[in-house]
């Protein structure tokens, strides 16, 4: 396996995407590297709030989503 990437839609009203990338690990052999990028676009200047405040509010859901993606992928990879 060289590299596998997927992109999905966000489950909320924010613009952006959920991007998942799986690659062979460069550190552990045999192993995989999994990256989940919970990407969102900042609102327009009129609607913009403090970025740190916005991240603070979004982080729990983003972390939970990444953990769920990891668990589901590993369930399918490891019998």
PDB file of N, CA and C in Angstrom:
ATOM      1  N   UNK A   1       0.852  -1.174   0.000  1.00  0.00           N
ATOM      2  CA  UNK A   1       0.000   0.000   0.000  1.00  0.00           C
ATOM      3  C   UNK A   1       0.897   1.236   0.000  1.00  0.00           C
ATOM      4  N   UNK A   2       0.568   2.186  -0.827  1.00  0.00           N
ATOM      5  CA  UNK A   2       1.326   3.426  -0.870  1.00  0.00           C
ATOM      6  C   UNK A   2       0.623   4.521  -0.081  1.00  0.00           C
ATOM      7  N   UNK A   3      -0.582   4.866  -0.480  1.00  0.00           N
ATOM      8  CA  UNK A   3      -1.293   5.969   0.130  1.00  0.00           C
ATOM      9  C   UNK A   3      -2.760   5.841  -0.246  1.00  0.00           C
ATOM     10  N   UNK A   4      -3.640   6.049   0.724  1.00  0.00           N
ATOM     11  CA  UNK A   4      -5.073   5.992   0.454  1.00  0.00           C
ATOM     12  C   UNK A   4      -5.701   7.219   1.099  1.00  0.00           C
ATOM     13  N   UNK A   5      -6.482   7.964   0.344  1.00  0.00           N
ATOM     14  CA  UNK A   5      -7.121   9.170   0.872  1.00  0.00           C
ATOM     15  C   UNK A   5      -8.587   9.207   0.469  1.00  0.00           C
ATOM     16  N   UNK A   6      -9.410   9.706   1.383  1.00  0.00           N
ATOM     17  CA  UNK A   6     -10.838   9.863   1.137  1.00  0.00           C
ATOM     18  C   UNK A   6     -11.260  11.233   1.638  1.00  0.00           C
ATOM     19  N   UNK A   7     -12.338  11.734   1.073  1.00  0.00           N
ATOM     20  CA  UNK A   7     -12.894  12.993   1.535  1.00  0.00           C
ATOM     21  C   UNK A   7     -14.387  12.832   1.661  1.00  0.00           C
ATOM     22  N   UNK A   8     -14.942  13.274   2.787  1.00  0.00           N
ATOM     23  CA  UNK A   8     -16.372  13.203   3.014  1.00  0.00           C
ATOM     24  C   UNK A   8     -16.937  14.566   3.369  1.00  0.00           C
ATOM     25  N   UNK A   9     -18.241  14.666   3.369  1.00  0.00           N
ATOM     26  CA  UNK A   9     -18.906  15.924   3.709  1.00  0.00           C
ATOM     27  C   UNK A   9     -18.974  16.085   5.224  1.00  0.00           C
ATOM     28  N   UNK A  10     -18.988  17.311   5.662  1.00  0.00           N
ATOM     29  CA  UNK A  10     -19.115  17.597   7.096  1.00  0.00           C
ATOM     30  C   UNK A  10     -20.540  17.281   7.543  1.00  0.00           C
ATOM     31  N   UNK A  11     -20.713  16.801   8.762  1.00  0.00           N
ATOM     32  CA  UNK A  11     -22.059  16.490   9.248  1.00  0.00           C
ATOM     33  C   UNK A  11     -22.760  17.698   9.880  1.00  0.00           C
ATOM     34  N   UNK A  12     -22.179  18.890   9.749  1.00  0.00           N
ATOM     35  CA  UNK A  12     -22.786  20.084  10.326  1.00  0.00           C
ATOM     36  C   UNK A  12     -22.976  21.138   9.233  1.00  0.00           C
ATOM     37  N   UNK A  13     -23.301  22.351   9.635  1.00  0.00           N
ATOM     38  CA  UNK A  13     -23.594  23.402   8.654  1.00  0.00           C
ATOM     39  C   UNK A  13     -22.354  24.133   8.158  1.00  0.00           C
ATOM     40  N   UNK A  14     -21.197  23.825   8.701  1.00  0.00           N
ATOM     41  CA  UNK A  14     -19.969  24.508   8.305  1.00  0.00           C
ATOM     42  C   UNK A  14     -19.487  24.049   6.931  1.00  0.00           C
ATOM     43  N   UNK A  15     -18.859  24.960   6.207  1.00  0.00           N
ATOM     44  CA  UNK A  15     -18.237  24.585   4.941  1.00  0.00           C
ATOM     45  C   UNK A  15     -16.910  23.915   5.245  1.00  0.00           C
ATOM     46  N   UNK A  16     -16.554  22.931   4.442  1.00  0.00           N
ATOM     47  CA  UNK A  16     -15.304  22.209   4.637  1.00  0.00           C
ATOM     48  C   UNK A  16     -15.504  20.743   4.318  1.00  0.00           C
ATOM     49  N   UNK A  17     -14.628  19.904   4.858  1.00  0.00           N
ATOM     50  CA  UNK A  17     -14.696  18.476   4.564  1.00  0.00           C
ATOM     51  C   UNK A  17     -13.995  17.693   5.669  1.00  0.00           C
ATOM     52  N   UNK A  18     -14.280  16.406   5.719  1.00  0.00           N
ATOM     53  CA  UNK A  18     -13.561  15.483   6.588  1.00  0.00           C
ATOM     54  C   UNK A  18     -12.650  14.691   5.655  1.00  0.00           C
ATOM     55  N   UNK A  19     -11.347  14.817   5.867  1.00  0.00           N
ATOM     56  CA  UNK A  19     -10.376  14.147   5.012  1.00  0.00           C
ATOM     57  C   UNK A  19      -9.630  13.087   5.825  1.00  0.00           C
ATOM     58  N   UNK A  20      -9.565  11.887   5.269  1.00  0.00           N
ATOM     59  CA  UNK A  20      -8.892  10.769   5.936  1.00  0.00           C
ATOM     60  C   UNK A  20      -7.799  10.250   5.020  1.00  0.00           C
ATOM     61  N   UNK A  21      -6.610  10.078   5.580  1.00  0.00           N
ATOM     62  CA  UNK A  21      -5.471   9.562   4.812  1.00  0.00           C
ATOM     63  C   UNK A  21      -4.848   8.413   5.595  1.00  0.00           C
ATOM     64  N   UNK A  22      -4.581   7.311   4.886  1.00  0.00           N
ATOM     65  CA  UNK A  22      -3.909   6.149   5.470  1.00  0.00           C
ATOM     66  C   UNK A  22      -2.653   5.893   4.652  1.00  0.00           C
ATOM     67  N   UNK A  23      -1.531   5.730   5.352  1.00  0.00           N
ATOM     68  CA  UNK A  23      -0.246   5.493   4.699  1.00  0.00           C
ATOM     69  C   UNK A  23       0.531   4.453   5.509  1.00  0.00           C
ATOM     70  N   UNK A  24       1.526   3.840   4.878  1.00  0.00           N
ATOM     71  CA  UNK A  24       2.416   2.988   5.666  1.00  0.00           C
ATOM     72  C   UNK A  24       3.153   3.857   6.690  1.00  0.00           C
ATOM     73  N   UNK A  25       3.350   3.336   7.862  1.00  0.00           N
ATOM     74  CA  UNK A  25       4.066   4.083   8.898  1.00  0.00           C
ATOM     75  C   UNK A  25       5.534   4.229   8.530  1.00  0.00           C
ATOM     76  N   UNK A  26       6.083   5.402   8.781  1.00  0.00           N
ATOM     77  CA  UNK A  26       7.511   5.642   8.596  1.00  0.00           C
ATOM     78  C   UNK A  26       8.270   5.354   9.887  1.00  0.00           C
ATOM     79  N   UNK A  27       7.537   5.023  10.965  1.00  0.00           N
ATOM     80  CA  UNK A  27       8.142   4.828  12.280  1.00  0.00           C
ATOM     81  C   UNK A  27       8.062   3.376  12.745  1.00  0.00           C
ATOM     82  N   UNK A  28       6.914   2.744  12.515  1.00  0.00           N
ATOM     83  CA  UNK A  28       6.672   1.386  13.016  1.00  0.00           C
ATOM     84  C   UNK A  28       6.530   0.437  11.833  1.00  0.00           C
ATOM     85  N   UNK A  29       7.229  -0.694  11.878  1.00  0.00           N
ATOM     86  CA  UNK A  29       7.082  -1.701  10.827  1.00  0.00           C
ATOM     87  C   UNK A  29       6.741  -3.032  11.452  1.00  0.00           C
ATOM     88  N   UNK A  30       5.698  -3.702  11.042  1.00  0.00           N
ATOM     89  CA  UNK A  30       4.669  -3.214  10.121  1.00  0.00           C
ATOM     90  C   UNK A  30       3.721  -2.275  10.868  1.00  0.00           C
ATOM     91  N   UNK A  31       3.229  -1.294  10.201  1.00  0.00           N
ATOM     92  CA  UNK A  31       2.313  -0.347  10.835  1.00  0.00           C
ATOM     93  C   UNK A  31       1.711   0.601   9.824  1.00  0.00           C
ATOM     94  N   UNK A  32       0.705   1.329  10.280  1.00  0.00           N
ATOM     95  CA  UNK A  32       0.058   2.313   9.417  1.00  0.00           C
ATOM     96  C   UNK A  32       0.046   3.673  10.109  1.00  0.00           C
ATOM     97  N   UNK A  33      -0.056   4.711   9.309  1.00  0.00           N
ATOM     98  CA  UNK A  33      -0.226   6.076   9.778  1.00  0.00           C
ATOM     99  C   UNK A  33      -1.613   6.509   9.340  1.00  0.00           C
ATOM    100  N   UNK A  34      -2.403   7.024  10.272  1.00  0.00           N
ATOM    101  CA  UNK A  34      -3.758   7.468   9.980  1.00  0.00           C
ATOM    102  C   UNK A  34      -3.879   8.940  10.335  1.00  0.00           C
ATOM    103  N   UNK A  35      -4.361   9.743   9.392  1.00  0.00           N
ATOM    104  CA  UNK A  35      -4.555  11.166   9.615  1.00  0.00           C
ATOM    105  C   UNK A  35      -5.998  11.517   9.309  1.00  0.00           C
ATOM    106  N   UNK A  36      -6.658  12.182  10.251  1.00  0.00           N
ATOM    107  CA  UNK A  36      -8.016  12.684  10.035  1.00  0.00           C
ATOM    108  C   UNK A  36      -7.954  14.202  10.123  1.00  0.00           C
ATOM    109  N   UNK A  37      -8.306  14.871   9.033  1.00  0.00           N
ATOM    110  CA  UNK A  37      -8.315  16.328   8.981  1.00  0.00           C
ATOM    111  C   UNK A  37      -9.765  16.788   8.950  1.00  0.00           C
ATOM    112  N   UNK A  38     -10.234  17.298  10.064  1.00  0.00           N
ATOM    113  CA  UNK A  38     -11.601  17.808  10.189  1.00  0.00           C
ATOM    114  C   UNK A  38     -11.547  19.283   9.793  1.00  0.00           C
ATOM    115  N   UNK A  39     -11.632  19.515   8.497  1.00  0.00           N
ATOM    116  CA  UNK A  39     -11.408  20.851   7.937  1.00  0.00           C
ATOM    117  C   UNK A  39     -12.700  21.658   7.885  1.00  0.00           C
ATOM    118  N   UNK A  40     -12.599  22.912   8.278  1.00  0.00           N
ATOM    119  CA  UNK A  40     -13.736  23.815   8.118  1.00  0.00           C
ATOM    120  C   UNK A  40     -13.219  25.169   7.674  1.00  0.00           C
ATOM    121  N   UNK A  41     -14.053  25.875   6.939  1.00  0.00           N
ATOM    122  CA  UNK A  41     -13.702  27.207   6.476  1.00  0.00           C
ATOM    123  C   UNK A  41     -14.237  28.226   7.477  1.00  0.00           C
ATOM    124  N   UNK A  42     -13.435  29.243   7.733  1.00  0.00           N
ATOM    125  CA  UNK A  42     -13.875  30.297   8.648  1.00  0.00           C
ATOM    126  C   UNK A  42     -15.039  31.046   8.001  1.00  0.00           C
ATOM    127  N   UNK A  43     -15.986  31.472   8.834  1.00  0.00           N
ATOM    128  CA  UNK A  43     -17.110  32.256   8.304  1.00  0.00           C
ATOM    129  C   UNK A  43     -16.621  33.561   7.683  1.00  0.00           C
ATOM    130  N   UNK A  44     -17.515  34.221   6.984  1.00  0.00           N
ATOM    131  CA  UNK A  44     -17.165  35.508   6.370  1.00  0.00           C
ATOM    132  C   UNK A  44     -16.780  36.517   7.457  1.00  0.00           C
ATOM    133  N   UNK A  45     -16.158  37.594   7.058  1.00  0.00           N
ATOM    134  CA  UNK A  45     -15.657  38.598   8.006  1.00  0.00           C
ATOM    135  C   UNK A  45     -16.773  39.117   8.925  1.00  0.00           C
ATOM    136  N   UNK A  46     -17.969  39.270   8.403  1.00  0.00           N
ATOM    137  CA  UNK A  46     -19.079  39.771   9.221  1.00  0.00           C
ATOM    138  C   UNK A  46     -19.484  38.769  10.301  1.00  0.00           C
ATOM    139  N   UNK A  47     -19.384  37.480   9.980  1.00  0.00           N
ATOM    140  CA  UNK A  47     -19.817  36.433  10.909  1.00  0.00           C
ATOM    141  C   UNK A  47     -18.659  35.859  11.722  1.00  0.00           C
ATOM    142  N   UNK A  48     -17.452  36.263  11.428  1.00  0.00           N
ATOM    143  CA  UNK A  48     -16.265  35.669  12.030  1.00  0.00           C
ATOM    144  C   UNK A  48     -16.193  35.935  13.532  1.00  0.00           C
ATOM    145  N   UNK A  49     -15.873  34.890  14.254  1.00  0.00           N
ATOM    146  CA  UNK A  49     -15.606  35.016  15.683  1.00  0.00           C
ATOM    147  C   UNK A  49     -14.133  34.717  15.889  1.00  0.00           C
ATOM    148  N   UNK A  50     -13.687  34.799  17.072  1.00  0.00           N
ATOM    149  CA  UNK A  50     -12.307  34.484  17.392  1.00  0.00           C
ATOM    150  C   UNK A  50     -12.016  33.029  17.005  1.00  0.00           C
ATOM    151  N   UNK A  51     -10.949  32.796  16.241  1.00  0.00           N
ATOM    152  CA  UNK A  51     -10.623  31.450  15.754  1.00  0.00           C
ATOM    153  C   UNK A  51     -10.382  30.479  16.900  1.00  0.00           C
ATOM    154  N   UNK A  52      -9.676  30.916  17.938  1.00  0.00           N
ATOM    155  CA  UNK A  52      -9.405  30.036  19.076  1.00  0.00           C
ATOM    156  C   UNK A  52     -10.700  29.637  19.775  1.00  0.00           C
ATOM    157  N   UNK A  53     -11.622  30.572  19.885  1.00  0.00           N
ATOM    158  CA  UNK A  53     -12.917  30.279  20.504  1.00  0.00           C
ATOM    159  C   UNK A  53     -13.702  29.278  19.660  1.00  0.00           C
ATOM    160  N   UNK A  54     -13.649  29.457  18.351  1.00  0.00           N
ATOM    161  CA  UNK A  54     -14.354  28.547  17.444  1.00  0.00           C
ATOM    162  C   UNK A  54     -13.764  27.138  17.529  1.00  0.00           C
ATOM    163  N   UNK A  55     -12.432  27.044  17.519  1.00  0.00           N
ATOM    164  CA  UNK A  55     -11.780  25.735  17.647  1.00  0.00           C
ATOM    165  C   UNK A  55     -12.112  25.076  18.968  1.00  0.00           C
ATOM    166  N   UNK A  56     -12.134  25.855  20.022  1.00  0.00           N
ATOM    167  CA  UNK A  56     -12.459  25.319  21.344  1.00  0.00           C
ATOM    168  C   UNK A  56     -13.847  24.683  21.343  1.00  0.00           C
ATOM    169  N   UNK A  57     -14.788  25.307  20.656  1.00  0.00           N
ATOM    170  CA  UNK A  57     -16.141  24.769  20.584  1.00  0.00           C
ATOM    171  C   UNK A  57     -16.268  23.553  19.682  1.00  0.00           C
ATOM    172  N   UNK A  58     -15.455  23.500  18.619  1.00  0.00           N
ATOM    173  CA  UNK A  58     -15.548  22.398  17.652  1.00  0.00           C
ATOM    174  C   UNK A  58     -14.689  21.191  18.032  1.00  0.00           C
ATOM    175  N   UNK A  59     -13.677  21.401  18.867  1.00  0.00           N
ATOM    176  CA  UNK A  59     -12.707  20.344  19.142  1.00  0.00           C
ATOM    177  C   UNK A  59     -13.315  19.043  19.686  1.00  0.00           C
ATOM    178  N   UNK A  60     -14.205  19.063  20.692  1.00  0.00           N
ATOM    179  CA  UNK A  60     -14.733  17.793  21.217  1.00  0.00           C
ATOM    180  C   UNK A  60     -15.383  16.919  20.142  1.00  0.00           C
ATOM    181  N   UNK A  61     -16.187  17.524  19.273  1.00  0.00           N
ATOM    182  CA  UNK A  61     -16.831  16.744  18.202  1.00  0.00           C
ATOM    183  C   UNK A  61     -15.805  16.242  17.190  1.00  0.00           C
ATOM    184  N   UNK A  62     -14.835  17.078  16.841  1.00  0.00           N
ATOM    185  CA  UNK A  62     -13.804  16.681  15.874  1.00  0.00           C
ATOM    186  C   UNK A  62     -12.969  15.529  16.425  1.00  0.00           C
ATOM    187  N   UNK A  63     -12.615  15.610  17.689  1.00  0.00           N
ATOM    188  CA  UNK A  63     -11.845  14.529  18.305  1.00  0.00           C
ATOM    189  C   UNK A  63     -12.650  13.233  18.354  1.00  0.00           C
ATOM    190  N   UNK A  64     -13.912  13.335  18.724  1.00  0.00           N
ATOM    191  CA  UNK A  64     -14.778  12.154  18.753  1.00  0.00           C
ATOM    192  C   UNK A  64     -14.942  11.545  17.375  1.00  0.00           C
ATOM    193  N   UNK A  65     -15.078  12.380  16.361  1.00  0.00           N
ATOM    194  CA  UNK A  65     -15.221  11.901  14.985  1.00  0.00           C
ATOM    195  C   UNK A  65     -13.953  11.169  14.547  1.00  0.00           C
ATOM    196  N   UNK A  66     -12.775  11.720  14.869  1.00  0.00           N
ATOM    197  CA  UNK A  66     -11.512  11.079  14.507  1.00  0.00           C
ATOM    198  C   UNK A  66     -11.371   9.728  15.207  1.00  0.00           C
ATOM    199  N   UNK A  67     -11.728   9.656  16.474  1.00  0.00           N
ATOM    200  CA  UNK A  67     -11.645   8.385  17.214  1.00  0.00           C
ATOM    201  C   UNK A  67     -12.607   7.344  16.629  1.00  0.00           C
ATOM    202  N   UNK A  68     -13.793   7.791  16.238  1.00  0.00           N
ATOM    203  CA  UNK A  68     -14.771   6.870  15.636  1.00  0.00           C
ATOM    204  C   UNK A  68     -14.272   6.355  14.284  1.00  0.00           C
ATOM    205  N   UNK A  69     -13.706   7.214  13.469  1.00  0.00           N
ATOM    206  CA  UNK A  69     -13.164   6.811  12.169  1.00  0.00           C
ATOM    207  C   UNK A  69     -12.045   5.800  12.376  1.00  0.00           C
ATOM    208  N   UNK A  70     -11.150   6.104  13.311  1.00  0.00           N
ATOM    209  CA  UNK A  70     -10.038   5.182  13.600  1.00  0.00           C
ATOM    210  C   UNK A  70     -10.562   3.817  14.040  1.00  0.00           C
ATOM    211  N   UNK A  71     -11.518   3.804  14.961  1.00  0.00           N
ATOM    212  CA  UNK A  71     -12.062   2.540  15.459  1.00  0.00           C
ATOM    213  C   UNK A  71     -12.716   1.722  14.353  1.00  0.00           C
ATOM    214  N   UNK A  72     -13.515   2.382  13.526  1.00  0.00           N
ATOM    215  CA  UNK A  72     -14.201   1.663  12.444  1.00  0.00           C
ATOM    216  C   UNK A  72     -13.217   1.101  11.423  1.00  0.00           C
ATOM    217  N   UNK A  73     -12.171   1.864  11.097  1.00  0.00           N
ATOM    218  CA  UNK A  73     -11.170   1.358  10.155  1.00  0.00           C
ATOM    219  C   UNK A  73     -10.410   0.164  10.746  1.00  0.00           C
ATOM    220  N   UNK A  74     -10.024   0.267  11.997  1.00  0.00           N
ATOM    221  CA  UNK A  74      -9.278  -0.828  12.615  1.00  0.00           C
ATOM    222  C   UNK A  74     -10.127  -2.079  12.773  1.00  0.00           C
ATOM    223  N   UNK A  75     -11.419  -1.920  13.035  1.00  0.00           N
ATOM    224  CA  UNK A  75     -12.331  -3.072  13.114  1.00  0.00           C
ATOM    225  C   UNK A  75     -12.325  -3.847  11.796  1.00  0.00           C
ATOM    226  N   UNK A  76     -12.239  -3.141  10.687  1.00  0.00           N
ATOM    227  CA  UNK A  76     -12.260  -3.780   9.372  1.00  0.00           C
ATOM    228  C   UNK A  76     -10.896  -4.369   9.009  1.00  0.00           C
ATOM    229  N   UNK A  77      -9.821  -3.781   9.524  1.00  0.00           N
ATOM    230  CA  UNK A  77      -8.476  -4.257   9.198  1.00  0.00           C
ATOM    231  C   UNK A  77      -8.013  -5.425  10.055  1.00  0.00           C
ATOM    232  N   UNK A  78      -8.418  -5.405  11.319  1.00  0.00           N
ATOM    233  CA  UNK A  78      -7.970  -6.427  12.252  1.00  0.00           C
ATOM    234  C   UNK A  78      -9.141  -7.339  12.593  1.00  0.00           C
ATOM    235  N   UNK A  79      -9.072  -8.601  12.158  1.00  0.00           N
ATOM    236  CA  UNK A  79     -10.202  -9.505  12.407  1.00  0.00           C
ATOM    237  C   UNK A  79     -10.373  -9.844  13.884  1.00  0.00           C
TER     238      UNK A  79
END
